[in-house]
Amino acid sequence: MPSPASGSGGTSRRQAAAALLTAAAGWQAARHPAWADDAASGPSSGSFYNDWPYLTPSDILPYLRATANPGDIDSVLSAIDRFAGFYPMYRCGPEKGAILESLVARQRPQLALELGTFMGYGAARISRQLPPGGRLITIEAGEEQAEVARQVLQLCGVETGEGPGARVQVVNGLSGDVLPRLRELAGTAAGLAAGLVFLDHCKPCYLPDLISMERLGLVQAGTVVVADNVLVPGAPDYLAHVGADAARARRSLVESDALDISLPLGTTPASGGAGAGDGGGSGCAYRTQLVGSMFEVEQRFKPDWQPQQDALSVSLCLQGLPGAA
């Protein structure tokens, strides 16, 4: 589910975030018709909704504890996916999740950032692909969602904590408020850039938060920025910033195995130094590719619902742009 963020344009962004949370509450309360009664899907829809009501994020926890194997990430993720078949929800899902994991495995970031934790689905996938010593810091606006994410990650066997010793840290707060204090909160080294950033929170927040991370030195040359739902619901201003044409995006989708996230020869990944770190970083010139994938929020309870083509945008920061700060 998208999470709100704040920063420049605070009032309108908070209003957009509130609208998203209101819509999400409606999805959580929705009920599917008899399509879920297929024998392969297990219990009938009626018994499922009676046994496993879902009105707040924490309501998924009893179902996961009853049906998933503790310590088995795949088992927990599969249980979340089954639950999402009855209750529409934002989570990157199996198709996008596999793409995300492949990018983390290829990039091997010492520091990964996620904006929009929801229940920890993406965080679990990212965490198991981190290299030795790698860290994930994931930011979630909703207090209850952040706590649910910690418990889901614990069920997956992923330890969470605070400070530089934590492999995964869940930070509760609005991204626009947290990002300027991220190094202090997480104890990261001054000037350390993220190797990979995953944006999966409120879509109007993508662009201001990316610009903020550029200026803070969290995104530098060599950083890969992955953004979900860039076609549905869509993030056209963000796509324009990273060099993608939203109007032509649907005609330029690539397969995940065709992605190129390698820096050109002679380019050195930035790791801080003069001008980087807290407030002195520059912008980026990006090479962006869009990977086609289906929109993960299935709304089969709607009579006219049809699967929708969505995409992940994968953007490699190639170089700083002097004066962008």
Protein backbone atom coordinates (compact mmCIF):
# COMPACT_ATOMS: atom_id res chain seq x y z
CA MET A 1 0.00 0.00 0.00
CA PRO A 2 1.36 3.48 -0.72
CA SER A 3 2.56 5.45 2.25
CA PRO A 4 2.41 9.22 2.59
CA ALA A 5 5.45 11.45 2.54
CA SER A 6 6.06 15.10 3.04
CA GLY A 7 8.48 17.77 1.98
CA SER A 8 8.11 20.56 -0.54
CA GLY A 9 4.46 21.23 -1.32
CA GLY A 10 3.60 19.79 2.08
CA THR A 11 -0.14 20.51 2.25
CA SER A 12 -1.05 19.12 -1.18
CA ARG A 13 1.21 16.12 -0.69
CA ARG A 14 -0.35 15.34 2.68
CA GLN A 15 -3.80 15.64 1.10
CA ALA A 16 -2.77 13.24 -1.68
CA ALA A 17 -1.42 10.82 0.90
CA ALA A 18 -4.60 11.02 2.95
CA ALA A 19 -6.66 10.26 -0.15
CA LEU A 20 -4.52 7.20 -0.87
CA LEU A 21 -4.91 5.91 2.67
CA THR A 22 -8.69 6.41 2.47
CA ALA A 23 -8.82 4.48 -0.80
CA ALA A 24 -6.72 1.72 0.70
CA ALA A 25 -9.11 1.40 3.61
CA GLY A 26 -11.90 0.84 1.10
CA TRP A 27 -9.91 -1.89 -0.65
CA GLN A 28 -9.24 -3.60 2.67
CA ALA A 29 -12.94 -3.73 3.46
CA ALA A 30 -13.92 -5.00 -0.03
CA ARG A 31 -15.21 -8.52 -0.58
CA HIS A 32 -14.61 -10.72 -3.61
CA PRO A 33 -17.45 -12.67 -5.23
CA ALA A 34 -17.43 -16.39 -5.86
CA TRP A 35 -14.35 -16.31 -8.11
CA ALA A 36 -12.31 -17.29 -5.05
CA ASP A 37 -14.34 -20.49 -4.57
CA ASP A 38 -12.20 -22.38 -7.06
CA ALA A 39 -11.15 -25.68 -5.49
CA ALA A 40 -7.50 -24.83 -6.05
CA SER A 41 -7.80 -21.69 -3.95
CA GLY A 42 -8.71 -23.53 -0.76
CA PRO A 43 -11.63 -22.44 1.44
CA SER A 44 -14.70 -20.78 -0.01
CA SER A 45 -14.74 -17.00 -0.10
CA GLY A 46 -17.50 -16.92 2.51
CA SER A 47 -15.61 -19.01 5.04
CA PHE A 48 -12.35 -17.16 4.32
CA TYR A 49 -13.89 -13.77 5.08
CA ASN A 50 -15.56 -15.12 8.21
CA ASP A 51 -12.35 -16.73 9.43
CA TRP A 52 -9.95 -13.97 8.44
CA PRO A 53 -11.56 -10.50 8.54
CA TYR A 54 -9.31 -7.67 7.38
CA LEU A 55 -10.15 -4.19 8.61
CA THR A 56 -6.75 -2.97 9.82
CA PRO A 57 -3.22 -3.91 8.68
CA SER A 58 -2.56 -6.03 11.78
CA ASP A 59 -5.48 -8.31 10.88
CA ILE A 60 -3.24 -10.19 8.45
CA LEU A 61 -0.92 -11.38 11.23
CA PRO A 62 -3.15 -14.20 12.62
CA TYR A 63 -3.55 -15.59 9.08
CA LEU A 64 0.20 -15.53 8.44
CA ARG A 65 0.99 -17.19 11.76
CA ALA A 66 -1.59 -19.90 11.08
CA THR A 67 -0.60 -20.67 7.49
CA ALA A 68 3.07 -19.72 6.93
CA ASN A 69 6.19 -21.53 8.08
CA PRO A 70 8.18 -19.37 10.50
CA GLY A 71 11.63 -18.50 9.20
CA ASP A 72 10.68 -19.31 5.60
CA ILE A 73 10.49 -16.10 3.56
CA ASP A 74 8.92 -17.81 0.55
CA SER A 75 6.22 -19.36 2.72
CA VAL A 76 5.36 -15.99 4.30
CA LEU A 77 5.33 -14.19 0.94
CA SER A 78 3.09 -16.87 -0.56
CA ALA A 79 0.68 -16.52 2.35
CA ILE A 80 0.55 -12.74 1.81
CA ASP A 81 -0.13 -13.31 -1.89
CA ARG A 82 -2.98 -15.72 -1.06
CA PHE A 83 -4.44 -13.21 1.38
CA ALA A 84 -4.21 -10.49 -1.27
CA GLY A 85 -6.31 -12.69 -3.56
CA PHE A 86 -9.22 -12.03 -1.21
CA TYR A 87 -8.34 -8.52 -0.05
CA PRO A 88 -6.89 -6.16 -2.69
CA MET A 89 -3.72 -4.52 -1.41
CA TYR A 90 -0.58 -2.82 -2.59
CA ARG A 91 2.48 -5.02 -2.36
CA CYS A 92 4.94 -5.54 -5.17
CA GLY A 93 3.74 -9.14 -5.65
CA PRO A 94 5.49 -12.20 -7.13
CA GLU A 95 6.22 -10.82 -10.61
CA LYS A 96 7.61 -7.45 -9.56
CA GLY A 97 9.17 -8.98 -6.45
CA ALA A 98 11.28 -11.36 -8.53
CA ILE A 99 12.48 -8.44 -10.68
CA LEU A 100 13.33 -6.42 -7.57
CA GLU A 101 15.29 -9.29 -6.06
CA SER A 102 17.28 -9.80 -9.26
CA LEU A 103 18.24 -6.12 -9.26
CA VAL A 104 19.36 -6.22 -5.63
CA ALA A 105 21.39 -9.39 -6.30
CA ARG A 106 23.11 -7.74 -9.28
CA GLN A 107 23.69 -4.38 -7.58
CA ARG A 108 24.87 -5.83 -4.21
CA PRO A 109 24.24 -2.57 -2.32
CA GLN A 110 25.94 -1.94 0.99
CA LEU A 111 23.03 0.42 1.69
CA ALA A 112 19.54 -0.04 0.25
CA LEU A 113 16.62 2.31 0.90
CA GLU A 114 12.91 1.56 0.58
CA LEU A 115 10.24 4.26 0.76
CA GLY A 116 6.88 2.66 1.55
CA THR A 117 7.23 -0.48 3.69
CA PHE A 118 3.55 -1.35 4.13
CA MET A 119 3.72 -4.87 5.62
CA GLY A 120 7.33 -5.67 4.79
CA TYR A 121 6.77 -7.67 1.59
CA GLY A 122 9.35 -5.78 -0.47
CA ALA A 123 11.69 -5.45 2.50
CA ALA A 124 11.76 -9.24 2.94
CA ARG A 125 12.66 -9.70 -0.72
CA ILE A 126 15.37 -7.03 -0.63
CA SER A 127 16.86 -8.27 2.64
CA ARG A 128 17.65 -11.77 1.45
CA GLN A 129 19.61 -10.47 -1.54
CA LEU A 130 21.80 -8.05 0.41
CA PRO A 131 25.52 -8.83 0.41
CA PRO A 132 27.37 -9.56 3.67
CA GLY A 133 27.38 -6.38 5.71
CA GLY A 134 24.63 -4.84 3.59
CA ARG A 135 21.83 -2.86 5.20
CA LEU A 136 18.26 -1.97 4.33
CA ILE A 137 16.53 1.07 5.77
CA THR A 138 12.82 1.14 4.98
CA ILE A 139 10.55 4.10 5.72
CA GLU A 140 6.85 3.72 6.49
CA ALA A 141 4.47 6.58 7.30
CA GLY A 142 1.80 4.54 9.11
CA GLU A 143 2.64 3.61 12.69
CA GLU A 144 0.55 0.43 12.61
CA GLN A 145 1.92 -0.60 9.22
CA ALA A 146 5.48 -0.13 10.47
CA GLU A 147 4.84 -2.40 13.46
CA VAL A 148 3.13 -5.00 11.26
CA ALA A 149 6.15 -4.92 8.94
CA ARG A 150 8.49 -5.62 11.87
CA GLN A 151 6.38 -8.60 12.90
CA VAL A 152 6.13 -9.92 9.32
CA LEU A 153 9.89 -9.64 8.92
CA GLN A 154 10.38 -11.43 12.24
CA LEU A 155 8.09 -14.22 10.99
CA CYS A 156 10.26 -14.39 7.87
CA GLY A 157 13.33 -14.84 10.07
CA VAL A 158 14.66 -11.37 9.21
CA GLU A 159 15.99 -9.50 12.21
CA THR A 160 15.16 -5.82 12.50
CA GLY A 161 16.70 -3.25 14.79
CA GLU A 162 18.05 0.28 14.99
CA GLY A 163 21.39 1.87 14.29
CA PRO A 164 24.45 0.76 12.31
CA GLY A 165 24.33 -2.82 13.59
CA ALA A 166 20.85 -3.50 12.19
CA ARG A 167 20.68 -5.37 8.88
CA VAL A 168 17.09 -4.13 8.40
CA GLN A 169 15.74 -1.00 10.08
CA VAL A 170 12.08 0.02 9.81
CA VAL A 171 11.69 3.76 10.37
CA ASN A 172 8.22 5.15 11.08
CA GLY A 173 7.61 8.63 9.71
CA LEU A 174 6.86 10.70 6.64
CA SER A 175 9.62 10.29 4.08
CA GLY A 176 9.98 14.04 3.61
CA ASP A 177 10.65 14.35 7.34
CA VAL A 178 12.83 11.25 7.72
CA LEU A 179 15.20 11.61 4.76
CA PRO A 180 17.03 14.72 6.05
CA ARG A 181 17.59 12.91 9.38
CA LEU A 182 18.30 9.49 7.89
CA ARG A 183 22.02 9.38 8.62
CA GLU A 184 21.42 10.40 12.23
CA LEU A 185 18.56 7.93 12.73
CA ALA A 186 20.28 4.98 11.09
CA GLY A 187 23.87 5.78 11.97
CA THR A 188 25.05 5.67 8.35
CA ALA A 189 28.43 7.08 7.40
CA ALA A 190 28.53 10.66 6.15
CA GLY A 191 28.59 10.72 2.36
CA LEU A 192 27.52 7.09 1.93
CA ALA A 193 25.18 6.79 -1.03
CA ALA A 194 22.56 4.09 -1.41
CA GLY A 195 23.40 1.43 -3.95
CA LEU A 196 19.70 0.82 -4.57
CA VAL A 197 16.52 2.76 -3.77
CA PHE A 198 13.02 1.27 -4.06
CA LEU A 199 10.14 3.76 -4.29
CA ASP A 200 6.76 2.26 -3.47
CA HIS A 201 4.97 4.92 -1.43
CA CYS A 202 2.65 7.75 -2.52
CA LYS A 203 3.15 8.39 -6.22
CA PRO A 204 3.11 12.24 -6.04
CA CYS A 205 5.95 11.89 -3.51
CA TYR A 206 8.33 10.06 -5.88
CA LEU A 207 9.76 13.16 -7.55
CA PRO A 208 10.25 15.46 -4.52
CA ASP A 209 11.72 12.59 -2.51
CA LEU A 210 14.14 11.64 -5.29
CA ILE A 211 15.27 15.25 -5.62
CA SER A 212 15.72 15.36 -1.85
CA MET A 213 17.85 12.20 -1.92
CA GLU A 214 19.96 13.65 -4.74
CA ARG A 215 20.61 16.81 -2.76
CA LEU A 216 21.36 14.84 0.42
CA GLY A 217 23.89 12.69 -1.41
CA LEU A 218 21.87 9.51 -0.83
CA VAL A 219 21.52 9.08 -4.60
CA GLN A 220 24.79 9.52 -6.51
CA ALA A 221 26.53 8.10 -9.57
CA GLY A 222 26.03 4.33 -9.54
CA THR A 223 22.78 4.35 -7.53
CA VAL A 224 19.95 2.34 -9.07
CA VAL A 225 16.49 3.79 -8.36
CA VAL A 226 13.54 1.41 -8.84
CA ALA A 227 10.04 2.88 -8.82
CA ASP A 228 6.82 0.84 -8.77
CA ASN A 229 3.45 1.73 -10.32
CA VAL A 230 4.85 4.31 -12.74
CA LEU A 231 2.05 3.55 -15.23
CA VAL A 232 -0.77 2.60 -12.82
CA PRO A 233 -1.65 4.79 -10.98
CA GLY A 234 1.25 6.55 -12.70
CA ALA A 235 4.03 9.03 -11.95
CA PRO A 236 4.53 11.11 -15.11
CA ASP A 237 6.49 13.96 -13.48
CA TYR A 238 8.85 11.44 -11.91
CA LEU A 239 9.34 9.65 -15.24
CA ALA A 240 10.15 12.96 -16.93
CA HIS A 241 12.80 13.68 -14.30
CA VAL A 242 14.54 10.34 -14.87
CA GLY A 243 14.42 10.75 -18.64
CA ALA A 244 11.44 8.56 -19.55
CA ASP A 245 8.54 9.74 -21.71
CA ALA A 246 5.32 8.76 -19.94
CA ALA A 247 3.32 9.15 -23.16
CA ARG A 248 5.50 6.60 -24.96
CA ALA A 249 6.29 4.41 -21.95
CA ARG A 250 3.86 1.62 -22.84
CA ARG A 251 5.58 1.19 -26.20
CA SER A 252 9.09 1.01 -24.75
CA LEU A 253 8.82 -1.73 -22.12
CA VAL A 254 11.72 -4.17 -21.80
CA GLU A 255 12.08 -7.65 -20.34
CA SER A 256 13.82 -7.86 -16.97
CA ASP A 257 16.69 -9.93 -18.38
CA ALA A 258 17.46 -7.10 -20.85
CA LEU A 259 18.06 -4.50 -18.12
CA ASP A 260 21.44 -2.75 -18.16
CA ILE A 261 22.40 -1.33 -14.76
CA SER A 262 26.16 -1.19 -15.34
CA LEU A 263 28.03 2.11 -15.32
CA PRO A 264 29.90 3.08 -18.49
CA LEU A 265 33.62 2.35 -18.52
CA GLY A 266 35.59 5.07 -16.79
CA THR A 267 32.73 6.09 -14.48
CA THR A 268 33.47 5.72 -10.77
CA PRO A 269 30.55 5.08 -8.40
CA ALA A 270 30.32 7.92 -5.92
CA SER A 271 30.79 7.11 -2.24
CA GLY A 272 30.81 10.59 -0.79
CA GLY A 273 33.50 13.19 -0.47
CA ALA A 274 33.46 16.88 -1.24
CA GLY A 275 30.01 18.16 -1.96
CA ALA A 276 28.28 14.92 -0.98
CA GLY A 277 26.64 13.82 2.22
CA ASP A 278 24.40 16.19 4.13
CA GLY A 279 22.94 18.82 1.88
CA GLY A 280 25.69 19.27 -0.70
CA GLY A 281 24.94 16.60 -3.27
CA SER A 282 24.08 17.26 -6.90
CA GLY A 283 21.42 15.87 -9.18
CA CYS A 284 21.81 12.96 -11.57
CA ALA A 285 21.65 12.26 -15.25
CA TYR A 286 19.73 8.99 -15.51
CA ARG A 287 19.55 6.08 -17.89
CA THR A 288 16.03 4.69 -17.42
CA GLN A 289 14.36 1.52 -18.63
CA LEU A 290 10.79 0.41 -17.95
CA VAL A 291 10.10 -3.25 -17.19
CA GLY A 292 6.57 -4.33 -18.04
CA SER A 293 4.59 -6.01 -15.25
CA MET A 294 0.95 -6.26 -14.30
CA PHE A 295 -0.65 -3.98 -11.71
CA GLU A 296 -0.70 -5.93 -8.46
CA VAL A 297 -3.94 -4.63 -6.93
CA GLU A 298 -6.54 -7.05 -8.27
CA GLN A 299 -10.05 -5.69 -7.84
CA ARG A 300 -12.05 -8.68 -9.02
CA PHE A 301 -14.99 -7.63 -6.89
CA LYS A 302 -15.67 -5.00 -9.56
CA PRO A 303 -17.82 -6.40 -12.41
CA ASP A 304 -15.84 -4.51 -15.08
CA TRP A 305 -12.38 -5.12 -13.63
CA GLN A 306 -9.62 -6.01 -16.11
CA PRO A 307 -5.91 -6.65 -15.45
CA GLN A 308 -3.86 -3.52 -16.11
CA GLN A 309 -0.43 -3.14 -17.66
CA ASP A 310 1.95 -1.48 -15.22
CA ALA A 311 5.72 -1.16 -15.06
CA LEU A 312 8.72 -0.79 -12.81
CA SER A 313 11.07 2.00 -13.83
CA VAL A 314 14.75 1.18 -13.32
CA SER A 315 16.99 4.26 -13.38
CA LEU A 316 20.78 4.33 -13.10
CA CYS A 317 22.33 7.59 -11.94
CA LEU A 318 25.24 8.11 -14.34
CA GLN A 319 26.71 11.38 -13.13
CA GLY A 320 26.08 14.44 -11.02
CA LEU A 321 24.73 17.57 -12.61
CA PRO A 322 26.68 20.62 -11.33
CA GLY A 323 24.41 23.26 -9.92
CA ALA A 324 21.43 20.91 -9.54
CA ALA A 325 21.39 21.51 -5.81
